[in-house]
Every structure is written in structure tokens, then in C-alpha cells.
Amino acid sequence: MTDVGGIAGDRLRSFIERIERLEEEKAALAADIREVYSEAKGTGFDVKILRQIVRLRKMDVSERQEQEDLLDVYKRALGM
């Protein structure tokens, strides 16, 4: 394919096809994750809490501690 307007068609097609393959993989992984959450829910686990735990485990330890400390301060300010 020739260049059109300074754009190499073959190179562009390569990027688009790679992105499309990755999007398909991402969709498959999302379906797998939903299935695991569904399985956990079926065995009695609270999915909302599981999602929270996953989010917390992704955080840096200091960032997580800062959020927990701030939450504690807010709760005490509200008399909770």
C-alpha cells in the first residue's frame, strides 16, 4: 500500500490490527473476571467487598495507609 497524505497504510493497518487483537483479549479477560466474581458470589462471598480488596491490594502500602488514616479521622469527626 502506498503512502496517502504522508501516512503509510501498511504501518497504520498493523497498528489497528494489533489494537483490535488486544481489545479482543481484554474482552475475554473481562468475561473471565466476571465469571470468577460470579463463582465467588455463588459460594457466599460479597462481591462488592472482594472488589474493594482487589483495589486496595493494587495500592502502594503508604497510599493505602494514608487513605485508611483519613477515613478514620473522618469517621471520628462524625462520631462513628
Protein backbone atom coordinates (compact mmCIF):
# COMPACT_ATOMS: atom_id res chain seq x y z
CA MET A 1 0.00 0.00 0.00
CA THR A 2 1.31 3.45 -0.81
CA ASP A 3 1.57 6.47 1.40
CA VAL A 4 -1.53 8.63 1.40
CA GLY A 5 -1.20 12.13 2.75
CA GLY A 6 2.09 11.17 4.41
CA ILE A 7 0.55 8.14 6.18
CA ALA A 8 1.99 4.69 5.50
CA GLY A 9 -1.07 2.49 5.04
CA ASP A 10 0.68 -0.80 5.89
CA ARG A 11 2.08 0.60 9.13
CA LEU A 12 -1.30 2.05 10.09
CA ARG A 13 -3.06 -1.26 9.34
CA SER A 14 -0.52 -3.08 11.52
CA PHE A 15 -1.28 -0.81 14.49
CA ILE A 16 -5.03 -1.12 14.01
CA GLU A 17 -4.90 -4.92 13.80
CA ARG A 18 -2.74 -5.15 16.93
CA ILE A 19 -5.15 -2.90 18.82
CA GLU A 20 -8.11 -5.00 17.66
CA ARG A 21 -6.45 -8.23 18.85
CA LEU A 22 -5.65 -6.70 22.23
CA GLU A 23 -9.23 -5.42 22.58
CA GLU A 24 -10.49 -8.96 21.94
CA GLU A 25 -8.13 -10.32 24.60
CA LYS A 26 -9.24 -7.62 27.02
CA ALA A 27 -12.91 -8.53 26.47
CA ALA A 28 -12.13 -12.21 27.07
CA LEU A 29 -10.25 -11.38 30.27
CA ALA A 30 -13.12 -9.18 31.48
CA ALA A 31 -15.52 -12.07 30.92
CA ASP A 32 -13.21 -14.39 32.86
CA ILE A 33 -13.04 -11.91 35.75
CA ARG A 34 -16.85 -11.60 35.83
CA GLU A 35 -17.06 -15.38 35.93
CA VAL A 36 -14.71 -15.56 38.94
CA TYR A 37 -16.73 -12.90 40.79
CA SER A 38 -19.91 -14.82 39.99
CA GLU A 39 -18.38 -18.03 41.30
CA ALA A 40 -17.27 -16.26 44.48
CA LYS A 41 -20.76 -14.83 44.93
CA GLY A 42 -22.22 -18.30 44.47
CA THR A 43 -20.13 -19.57 47.36
CA GLY A 44 -21.32 -16.76 49.64
CA PHE A 45 -18.67 -14.05 49.26
CA ASP A 46 -19.71 -10.41 48.98
CA VAL A 47 -18.56 -9.27 45.53
CA LYS A 48 -18.57 -5.59 46.48
CA ILE A 49 -16.09 -6.31 49.27
CA LEU A 50 -13.97 -8.52 47.01
CA ARG A 51 -13.70 -5.64 44.51
CA GLN A 52 -12.66 -3.32 47.33
CA ILE A 53 -9.98 -5.74 48.49
CA VAL A 54 -8.62 -6.11 44.94
CA ARG A 55 -8.49 -2.31 44.61
CA LEU A 56 -6.73 -1.95 47.97
CA ARG A 57 -4.15 -4.63 47.12
CA LYS A 58 -3.21 -2.70 43.98
CA MET A 59 -2.34 0.35 46.04
CA ASP A 60 1.04 1.23 47.42
CA VAL A 61 1.21 0.44 51.16
CA SER A 62 1.76 4.08 52.13
CA GLU A 63 -1.12 5.29 49.93
CA ARG A 64 -3.44 2.66 51.42
CA GLN A 65 -2.39 3.59 54.96
CA GLU A 66 -2.97 7.28 54.22
CA GLN A 67 -6.49 6.57 52.97
CA GLU A 68 -7.27 4.37 55.97
CA ASP A 69 -5.98 7.05 58.36
CA LEU A 70 -8.00 9.75 56.64
CA LEU A 71 -11.13 7.58 56.70
CA ASP A 72 -10.60 7.02 60.42
CA VAL A 73 -10.26 10.79 61.04
CA TYR A 74 -13.47 11.49 59.08
CA LYS A 75 -15.36 8.75 60.95
CA ARG A 76 -14.24 10.10 64.31
CA ALA A 77 -15.26 13.63 63.27
CA LEU A 78 -18.74 12.27 62.55
CA GLY A 79 -18.88 10.36 65.81
CA MET A 80 -18.86 6.97 64.13
